[in-house]
Amino acid sequence: MKSLLEEKKYESLKECLICEEEKGKGIHLLNYFICTECEHDIVTSDTDNSSYRYYLNRLKKVKEALMPSTEKNA
Protein backbone atom coordinates (compact mmCIF):
# COMPACT_ATOMS: atom_id res chain seq x y z
CA MET A 1 0.00 0.00 0.00
CA LYS A 2 1.38 3.39 -0.99
CA SER A 3 1.87 6.03 1.64
CA LEU A 4 0.16 9.40 1.26
CA LEU A 5 3.54 11.00 0.51
CA GLU A 6 4.25 8.51 -2.28
CA GLU A 7 0.82 9.14 -3.79
CA LYS A 8 1.33 12.92 -3.73
CA LYS A 9 4.74 12.54 -5.40
CA TYR A 10 3.25 10.37 -8.13
CA GLU A 11 0.41 12.84 -8.69
CA SER A 12 2.88 15.70 -9.11
CA LEU A 13 4.74 13.98 -11.96
CA LYS A 14 3.92 15.29 -15.41
CA GLU A 15 4.85 14.01 -18.85
CA CYS A 16 7.38 16.22 -20.60
CA LEU A 17 6.40 17.41 -24.07
CA ILE A 18 9.96 16.95 -25.32
CA CYS A 19 11.35 13.74 -23.78
CA GLU A 20 7.95 12.20 -22.94
CA GLU A 21 9.23 11.09 -19.52
CA GLU A 22 7.41 11.75 -16.27
CA LYS A 23 9.23 14.42 -14.29
CA GLY A 24 8.47 16.52 -11.25
CA LYS A 25 10.24 19.79 -12.04
CA GLY A 26 9.85 21.98 -15.05
CA ILE A 27 7.83 24.74 -16.65
CA HIS A 28 4.28 24.87 -17.92
CA LEU A 29 3.73 26.37 -21.34
CA LEU A 30 0.02 26.67 -21.97
CA ASN A 31 -1.29 23.15 -21.27
CA TYR A 32 2.11 21.56 -21.85
CA PHE A 33 4.92 20.68 -19.46
CA ILE A 34 8.65 20.84 -20.26
CA CYS A 35 11.03 19.33 -17.72
CA THR A 36 14.01 21.33 -16.48
CA GLU A 37 16.48 19.09 -18.31
CA CYS A 38 14.79 19.59 -21.67
CA GLU A 39 14.32 23.31 -21.02
CA HIS A 40 18.07 23.60 -20.41
CA ASP A 41 18.85 21.57 -23.55
CA ILE A 42 16.56 23.74 -25.65
CA VAL A 43 17.95 27.09 -24.54
CA THR A 44 21.59 25.99 -24.80
CA SER A 45 21.42 24.13 -28.12
CA ASP A 46 22.91 25.63 -31.27
CA THR A 47 20.70 25.97 -34.31
CA ASP A 48 23.29 23.90 -36.18
CA ASN A 49 22.82 20.98 -33.78
CA SER A 50 20.69 18.10 -35.09
CA SER A 51 18.72 18.00 -31.83
CA TYR A 52 17.54 21.58 -32.46
CA ARG A 53 15.26 20.31 -35.27
CA TYR A 54 13.84 17.71 -32.89
CA TYR A 55 13.00 20.41 -30.32
CA LEU A 56 11.30 22.52 -32.98
CA ASN A 57 9.18 19.59 -34.10
CA ARG A 58 8.13 18.76 -30.54
CA LEU A 59 7.28 22.43 -29.83
CA LYS A 60 4.96 22.57 -32.84
CA LYS A 61 2.21 21.32 -30.54
CA VAL A 62 2.42 24.60 -28.62
CA LYS A 63 2.30 26.63 -31.83
CA GLU A 64 -0.71 24.65 -33.03
CA ALA A 65 -2.48 25.32 -29.73
CA LEU A 66 -1.85 29.06 -30.13
CA MET A 67 -2.60 29.28 -33.84
CA PRO A 68 -4.85 26.44 -34.96
CA SER A 69 -4.74 25.93 -38.69
CA THR A 70 -7.96 26.72 -40.47
CA GLU A 71 -8.68 24.94 -43.69
CA LYS A 72 -10.41 27.07 -46.29
CA ASN A 73 -13.40 25.56 -48.01
CA ALA A 74 -13.15 25.66 -51.78
PDB file of N, CA and C in Angstrom:
ATOM      1  N   MET A   1       0.840  -1.180   0.000  1.00  0.00           N
ATOM      2  CA  MET A   1       0.000   0.000   0.000  1.00  0.00           C
ATOM      3  C   MET A   1       0.884   1.243   0.000  1.00  0.00           C
ATOM      4  N   LYS A   2       0.590   2.168  -0.889  1.00  0.00           N
ATOM      5  CA  LYS A   2       1.382   3.393  -0.994  1.00  0.00           C
ATOM      6  C   LYS A   2       1.060   4.337   0.155  1.00  0.00           C
ATOM      7  N   SER A   3       2.106   5.015   0.616  1.00  0.00           N
ATOM      8  CA  SER A   3       1.873   6.025   1.642  1.00  0.00           C
ATOM      9  C   SER A   3       1.294   7.274   0.972  1.00  0.00           C
ATOM     10  N   LEU A   4       0.733   8.161   1.770  1.00  0.00           N
ATOM     11  CA  LEU A   4       0.157   9.397   1.259  1.00  0.00           C
ATOM     12  C   LEU A   4       1.221  10.227   0.560  1.00  0.00           C
ATOM     13  N   LEU A   5       2.440  10.253   1.101  1.00  0.00           N
ATOM     14  CA  LEU A   5       3.542  11.003   0.506  1.00  0.00           C
ATOM     15  C   LEU A   5       3.901  10.449  -0.869  1.00  0.00           C
ATOM     16  N   GLU A   6       3.946   9.132  -0.994  1.00  0.00           N
ATOM     17  CA  GLU A   6       4.250   8.509  -2.283  1.00  0.00           C
ATOM     18  C   GLU A   6       3.169   8.830  -3.314  1.00  0.00           C
ATOM     19  N   GLU A   7       1.911   8.835  -2.891  1.00  0.00           N
ATOM     20  CA  GLU A   7       0.816   9.144  -3.794  1.00  0.00           C
ATOM     21  C   GLU A   7       0.892  10.584  -4.270  1.00  0.00           C
ATOM     22  N   LYS A   8       1.206  11.511  -3.370  1.00  0.00           N
ATOM     23  CA  LYS A   8       1.329  12.921  -3.734  1.00  0.00           C
ATOM     24  C   LYS A   8       2.466  13.114  -4.722  1.00  0.00           C
ATOM     25  N   LYS A   9       3.597  12.428  -4.496  1.00  0.00           N
ATOM     26  CA  LYS A   9       4.741  12.537  -5.396  1.00  0.00           C
ATOM     27  C   LYS A   9       4.366  12.037  -6.773  1.00  0.00           C
ATOM     28  N   TYR A  10       3.665  10.929  -6.855  1.00  0.00           N
ATOM     29  CA  TYR A  10       3.245  10.372  -8.135  1.00  0.00           C
ATOM     30  C   TYR A  10       2.301  11.322  -8.852  1.00  0.00           C
ATOM     31  N   GLU A  11       1.374  11.925  -8.102  1.00  0.00           N
ATOM     32  CA  GLU A  11       0.407  12.840  -8.695  1.00  0.00           C
ATOM     33  C   GLU A  11       1.080  14.092  -9.247  1.00  0.00           C
ATOM     34  N   SER A  12       2.225  14.482  -8.677  1.00  0.00           N
ATOM     35  CA  SER A  12       2.882  15.703  -9.111  1.00  0.00           C
ATOM     36  C   SER A  12       3.752  15.485 -10.348  1.00  0.00           C
ATOM     37  N   LEU A  13       3.955  14.243 -10.762  1.00  0.00           N
ATOM     38  CA  LEU A  13       4.741  13.982 -11.959  1.00  0.00           C
ATOM     39  C   LEU A  13       3.916  14.313 -13.197  1.00  0.00           C
ATOM     40  N   LYS A  14       4.574  14.930 -14.158  1.00  0.00           N
ATOM     41  CA  LYS A  14       3.920  15.291 -15.408  1.00  0.00           C
ATOM     42  C   LYS A  14       4.761  14.777 -16.560  1.00  0.00           C
ATOM     43  N   GLU A  15       4.122  14.483 -17.680  1.00  0.00           N
ATOM     44  CA  GLU A  15       4.852  14.012 -18.850  1.00  0.00           C
ATOM     45  C   GLU A  15       5.406  15.197 -19.628  1.00  0.00           C
ATOM     46  N   CYS A  16       6.702  15.156 -19.873  1.00  0.00           N
ATOM     47  CA  CYS A  16       7.383  16.221 -20.603  1.00  0.00           C
ATOM     48  C   CYS A  16       7.015  16.157 -22.082  1.00  0.00           C
ATOM     49  N   LEU A  17       6.727  17.299 -22.647  1.00  0.00           N
ATOM     50  CA  LEU A  17       6.397  17.405 -24.067  1.00  0.00           C
ATOM     51  C   LEU A  17       7.564  16.971 -24.949  1.00  0.00           C
ATOM     52  N   ILE A  18       8.780  17.207 -24.503  1.00  0.00           N
ATOM     53  CA  ILE A  18       9.964  16.946 -25.319  1.00  0.00           C
ATOM     54  C   ILE A  18      10.430  15.495 -25.183  1.00  0.00           C
ATOM     55  N   CYS A  19      10.781  15.077 -23.968  1.00  0.00           N
ATOM     56  CA  CYS A  19      11.354  13.738 -23.779  1.00  0.00           C
ATOM     57  C   CYS A  19      10.304  12.668 -23.499  1.00  0.00           C
ATOM     58  N   GLU A  20       9.085  13.087 -23.220  1.00  0.00           N
ATOM     59  CA  GLU A  20       7.954  12.204 -22.939  1.00  0.00           C
ATOM     60  C   GLU A  20       8.158  11.335 -21.700  1.00  0.00           C
ATOM     61  N   GLU A  21       9.029  11.779 -20.789  1.00  0.00           N
ATOM     62  CA  GLU A  21       9.227  11.087 -19.519  1.00  0.00           C
ATOM     63  C   GLU A  21       8.462  11.825 -18.440  1.00  0.00           C
ATOM     64  N   GLU A  22       8.103  11.115 -17.381  1.00  0.00           N
ATOM     65  CA  GLU A  22       7.412  11.750 -16.268  1.00  0.00           C
ATOM     66  C   GLU A  22       8.438  12.371 -15.340  1.00  0.00           C
ATOM     67  N   LYS A  23       8.290  13.668 -15.122  1.00  0.00           N
ATOM     68  CA  LYS A  23       9.230  14.423 -14.291  1.00  0.00           C
ATOM     69  C   LYS A  23       8.444  15.279 -13.316  1.00  0.00           C
ATOM     70  N   GLY A  24       9.127  15.721 -12.269  1.00  0.00           N
ATOM     71  CA  GLY A  24       8.471  16.524 -11.251  1.00  0.00           C
ATOM     72  C   GLY A  24       8.750  18.005 -11.347  1.00  0.00           C
ATOM     73  N   LYS A  25       9.876  18.381 -11.966  1.00  0.00           N
ATOM     74  CA  LYS A  25      10.237  19.794 -12.036  1.00  0.00           C
ATOM     75  C   LYS A  25      10.326  20.241 -13.477  1.00  0.00           C
ATOM     76  N   GLY A  26       9.814  21.444 -13.707  1.00  0.00           N
ATOM     77  CA  GLY A  26       9.851  21.985 -15.047  1.00  0.00           C
ATOM     78  C   GLY A  26       8.963  23.201 -15.164  1.00  0.00           C
ATOM     79  N   ILE A  27       8.673  23.574 -16.396  1.00  0.00           N
ATOM     80  CA  ILE A  27       7.831  24.742 -16.653  1.00  0.00           C
ATOM     81  C   ILE A  27       6.570  24.301 -17.375  1.00  0.00           C
ATOM     82  N   HIS A  28       5.537  25.104 -17.212  1.00  0.00           N
ATOM     83  CA  HIS A  28       4.281  24.874 -17.918  1.00  0.00           C
ATOM     84  C   HIS A  28       4.160  25.940 -18.993  1.00  0.00           C
ATOM     85  N   LEU A  29       3.901  25.481 -20.197  1.00  0.00           N
ATOM     86  CA  LEU A  29       3.735  26.367 -21.338  1.00  0.00           C
ATOM     87  C   LEU A  29       2.374  26.051 -21.930  1.00  0.00           C
ATOM     88  N   LEU A  30       1.429  26.930 -21.680  1.00  0.00           N
ATOM     89  CA  LEU A  30       0.018  26.668 -21.975  1.00  0.00           C
ATOM     90  C   LEU A  30      -0.392  25.401 -21.234  1.00  0.00           C
ATOM     91  N   ASN A  31      -0.883  24.401 -21.927  1.00  0.00           N
ATOM     92  CA  ASN A  31      -1.289  23.153 -21.270  1.00  0.00           C
ATOM     93  C   ASN A  31      -0.191  22.107 -21.306  1.00  0.00           C
ATOM     94  N   TYR A  32       1.004  22.499 -21.691  1.00  0.00           N
ATOM     95  CA  TYR A  32       2.110  21.558 -21.848  1.00  0.00           C
ATOM     96  C   TYR A  32       3.143  21.749 -20.749  1.00  0.00           C
ATOM     97  N   PHE A  33       3.879  20.688 -20.481  1.00  0.00           N
ATOM     98  CA  PHE A  33       4.925  20.679 -19.455  1.00  0.00           C
ATOM     99  C   PHE A  33       6.249  20.353 -20.123  1.00  0.00           C
ATOM    100  N   ILE A  34       7.294  21.115 -19.775  1.00  0.00           N
ATOM    101  CA  ILE A  34       8.648  20.844 -20.258  1.00  0.00           C
ATOM    102  C   ILE A  34       9.542  20.712 -19.031  1.00  0.00           C
ATOM    103  N   CYS A  35      10.192  19.564 -18.899  1.00  0.00           N
ATOM    104  CA  CYS A  35      11.032  19.327 -17.717  1.00  0.00           C
ATOM    105  C   CYS A  35      12.260  20.237 -17.747  1.00  0.00           C
ATOM    106  N   THR A  36      12.870  20.426 -16.585  1.00  0.00           N
ATOM    107  CA  THR A  36      14.013  21.334 -16.480  1.00  0.00           C
ATOM    108  C   THR A  36      15.190  20.885 -17.343  1.00  0.00           C
ATOM    109  N   GLU A  37      15.380  19.583 -17.483  1.00  0.00           N
ATOM    110  CA  GLU A  37      16.483  19.088 -18.309  1.00  0.00           C
ATOM    111  C   GLU A  37      16.277  19.462 -19.775  1.00  0.00           C
ATOM    112  N   CYS A  38      15.074  19.251 -20.276  1.00  0.00           N
ATOM    113  CA  CYS A  38      14.788  19.587 -21.675  1.00  0.00           C
ATOM    114  C   CYS A  38      14.799  21.101 -21.881  1.00  0.00           C
ATOM    115  N   GLU A  39      14.287  21.850 -20.919  1.00  0.00           N
ATOM    116  CA  GLU A  39      14.320  23.306 -21.017  1.00  0.00           C
ATOM    117  C   GLU A  39      15.766  23.774 -21.169  1.00  0.00           C
ATOM    118  N   HIS A  40      16.656  23.234 -20.344  1.00  0.00           N
ATOM    119  CA  HIS A  40      18.073  23.599 -20.413  1.00  0.00           C
ATOM    120  C   HIS A  40      18.655  23.221 -21.775  1.00  0.00           C
ATOM    121  N   ASP A  41      18.341  22.015 -22.250  1.00  0.00           N
ATOM    122  CA  ASP A  41      18.851  21.567 -23.545  1.00  0.00           C
ATOM    123  C   ASP A  41      18.368  22.460 -24.684  1.00  0.00           C
ATOM    124  N   ILE A  42      17.122  22.891 -24.605  1.00  0.00           N
ATOM    125  CA  ILE A  42      16.555  23.740 -25.654  1.00  0.00           C
ATOM    126  C   ILE A  42      17.259  25.088 -25.695  1.00  0.00           C
ATOM    127  N   VAL A  43      17.394  25.734 -24.549  1.00  0.00           N
ATOM    128  CA  VAL A  43      17.947  27.091 -24.541  1.00  0.00           C
ATOM    129  C   VAL A  43      19.453  27.126 -24.771  1.00  0.00           C
ATOM    130  N   THR A  44      20.140  26.001 -24.593  1.00  0.00           N
ATOM    131  CA  THR A  44      21.588  25.990 -24.800  1.00  0.00           C
ATOM    132  C   THR A  44      22.004  25.340 -26.120  1.00  0.00           C
ATOM    133  N   SER A  45      21.058  24.808 -26.875  1.00  0.00           N
ATOM    134  CA  SER A  45      21.423  24.131 -28.122  1.00  0.00           C
ATOM    135  C   SER A  45      21.677  25.149 -29.228  1.00  0.00           C
ATOM    136  N   ASP A  46      22.623  24.817 -30.090  1.00  0.00           N
ATOM    137  CA  ASP A  46      22.909  25.634 -31.270  1.00  0.00           C
ATOM    138  C   ASP A  46      21.920  25.269 -32.370  1.00  0.00           C
ATOM    139  N   THR A  47      21.628  26.236 -33.201  1.00  0.00           N
ATOM    140  CA  THR A  47      20.699  25.969 -34.308  1.00  0.00           C
ATOM    141  C   THR A  47      21.305  25.006 -35.321  1.00  0.00           C
ATOM    142  N   ASP A  48      22.624  24.844 -35.294  1.00  0.00           N
ATOM    143  CA  ASP A  48      23.293  23.897 -36.184  1.00  0.00           C
ATOM    144  C   ASP A  48      23.209  22.461 -35.674  1.00  0.00           C
ATOM    145  N   ASN A  49      22.864  22.295 -34.413  1.00  0.00           N
ATOM    146  CA  ASN A  49      22.816  20.981 -33.784  1.00  0.00           C
ATOM    147  C   ASN A  49      21.605  20.200 -34.312  1.00  0.00           C
ATOM    148  N   SER A  50      21.792  18.925 -34.562  1.00  0.00           N
ATOM    149  CA  SER A  50      20.690  18.103 -35.090  1.00  0.00           C
ATOM    150  C   SER A  50      19.524  17.997 -34.102  1.00  0.00           C
ATOM    151  N   SER A  51      19.795  18.094 -32.813  1.00  0.00           N
ATOM    152  CA  SER A  51      18.715  18.003 -31.831  1.00  0.00           C
ATOM    153  C   SER A  51      17.818  19.237 -31.854  1.00  0.00           C
ATOM    154  N   TYR A  52      18.334  20.347 -32.377  1.00  0.00           N
ATOM    155  CA  TYR A  52      17.545  21.576 -32.460  1.00  0.00           C
ATOM    156  C   TYR A  52      16.289  21.348 -33.299  1.00  0.00           C
ATOM    157  N   ARG A  53      16.403  20.637 -34.413  1.00  0.00           N
ATOM    158  CA  ARG A  53      15.258  20.311 -35.266  1.00  0.00           C
ATOM    159  C   ARG A  53      14.231  19.484 -34.499  1.00  0.00           C
ATOM    160  N   TYR A  54      14.722  18.551 -33.706  1.00  0.00           N
ATOM    161  CA  TYR A  54      13.838  17.709 -32.893  1.00  0.00           C
ATOM    162  C   TYR A  54      13.026  18.579 -31.926  1.00  0.00           C
ATOM    163  N   TYR A  55      13.698  19.523 -31.263  1.00  0.00           N
ATOM    164  CA  TYR A  55      13.000  20.408 -30.323  1.00  0.00           C
ATOM    165  C   TYR A  55      11.931  21.225 -31.046  1.00  0.00           C
ATOM    166  N   LEU A  56      12.273  21.746 -32.213  1.00  0.00           N
ATOM    167  CA  LEU A  56      11.298  22.524 -32.980  1.00  0.00           C
ATOM    168  C   LEU A  56      10.069  21.689 -33.322  1.00  0.00           C
ATOM    169  N   ASN A  57      10.296  20.467 -33.753  1.00  0.00           N
ATOM    170  CA  ASN A  57       9.175  19.594 -34.102  1.00  0.00           C
ATOM    171  C   ASN A  57       8.296  19.291 -32.894  1.00  0.00           C
ATOM    172  N   ARG A  58       8.905  19.054 -31.748  1.00  0.00           N
ATOM    173  CA  ARG A  58       8.128  18.764 -30.539  1.00  0.00           C
ATOM    174  C   ARG A  58       7.350  20.004 -30.090  1.00  0.00           C
ATOM    175  N   LEU A  59       7.930  21.186 -30.259  1.00  0.00           N
ATOM    176  CA  LEU A  59       7.282  22.430 -29.828  1.00  0.00           C
ATOM    177  C   LEU A  59       6.174  22.877 -30.776  1.00  0.00           C
ATOM    178  N   LYS A  60       6.039  22.226 -31.916  1.00  0.00           N
ATOM    179  CA  LYS A  60       4.964  22.572 -32.839  1.00  0.00           C
ATOM    180  C   LYS A  60       3.592  22.409 -32.202  1.00  0.00           C
ATOM    181  N   LYS A  61       3.494  21.510 -31.230  1.00  0.00           N
ATOM    182  CA  LYS A  61       2.209  21.319 -30.538  1.00  0.00           C
ATOM    183  C   LYS A  61       1.773  22.608 -29.847  1.00  0.00           C
ATOM    184  N   VAL A  62       2.733  23.337 -29.290  1.00  0.00           N
ATOM    185  CA  VAL A  62       2.422  24.597 -28.616  1.00  0.00           C
ATOM    186  C   VAL A  62       1.958  25.620 -29.649  1.00  0.00           C
ATOM    187  N   LYS A  63       2.677  25.694 -30.758  1.00  0.00           N
ATOM    188  CA  LYS A  63       2.304  26.626 -31.831  1.00  0.00           C
ATOM    189  C   LYS A  63       0.902  26.321 -32.341  1.00  0.00           C
ATOM    190  N   GLU A  64       0.613  25.046 -32.538  1.00  0.00           N
ATOM    191  CA  GLU A  64      -0.706  24.650 -33.032  1.00  0.00           C
ATOM    192  C   GLU A  64      -1.810  25.002 -32.046  1.00  0.00           C
ATOM    193  N   ALA A  65      -1.491  24.951 -30.746  1.00  0.00           N
ATOM    194  CA  ALA A  65      -2.483  25.319 -29.733  1.00  0.00           C
ATOM    195  C   ALA A  65      -2.743  26.823 -29.762  1.00  0.00           C
ATOM    196  N   LEU A  66      -1.704  27.600 -30.074  1.00  0.00           N
ATOM    197  CA  LEU A  66      -1.850  29.056 -30.132  1.00  0.00           C
ATOM    198  C   LEU A  66      -2.511  29.522 -31.426  1.00  0.00           C
ATOM    199  N   MET A  67      -2.121  28.870 -32.519  1.00  0.00           N
ATOM    200  CA  MET A  67      -2.604  29.284 -33.839  1.00  0.00           C
ATOM    201  C   MET A  67      -3.123  28.068 -34.593  1.00  0.00           C
ATOM    202  N   PRO A  68      -4.313  27.607 -34.260  1.00  0.00           N
ATOM    203  CA  PRO A  68      -4.847  26.442 -34.959  1.00  0.00           C
ATOM    204  C   PRO A  68      -4.996  26.724 -36.442  1.00  0.00           C
ATOM    205  N   SER A  69      -4.624  25.748 -37.239  1.00  0.00           N
ATOM    206  CA  SER A  69      -4.745  25.927 -38.692  1.00  0.00           C
ATOM    207  C   SER A  69      -6.212  25.858 -39.081  1.00  0.00           C
ATOM    208  N   THR A  70      -6.580  26.721 -39.968  1.00  0.00           N
ATOM    209  CA  THR A  70      -7.963  26.720 -40.466  1.00  0.00           C
ATOM    210  C   THR A  70      -7.928  26.391 -41.946  1.00  0.00           C
ATOM    211  N   GLU A  71      -8.628  25.338 -42.295  1.00  0.00           N
ATOM    212  CA  GLU A  71      -8.685  24.941 -43.686  1.00  0.00           C
ATOM    213  C   GLU A  71      -9.776  25.735 -44.362  1.00  0.00           C
ATOM    214  N   LYS A  72      -9.440  26.274 -45.529  1.00  0.00           N
ATOM    215  CA  LYS A  72     -10.413  27.066 -46.286  1.00  0.00           C
ATOM    216  C   LYS A  72     -11.234  26.134 -47.158  1.00  0.00           C
ATOM    217  N   ASN A  73     -12.510  26.362 -47.149  1.00  0.00           N
ATOM    218  CA  ASN A  73     -13.399  25.565 -48.007  1.00  0.00           C
ATOM    219  C   ASN A  73     -13.344  26.116 -49.415  1.00  0.00           C
ATOM    220  N   ALA A  74     -13.230  25.221 -50.381  1.00  0.00           N
ATOM    221  CA  ALA A  74     -13.149  25.659 -51.785  1.00  0.00           C
ATOM    222  C   ALA A  74     -14.502  25.787 -52.401  1.00  0.00           C
TER     223      ALA A  74
END
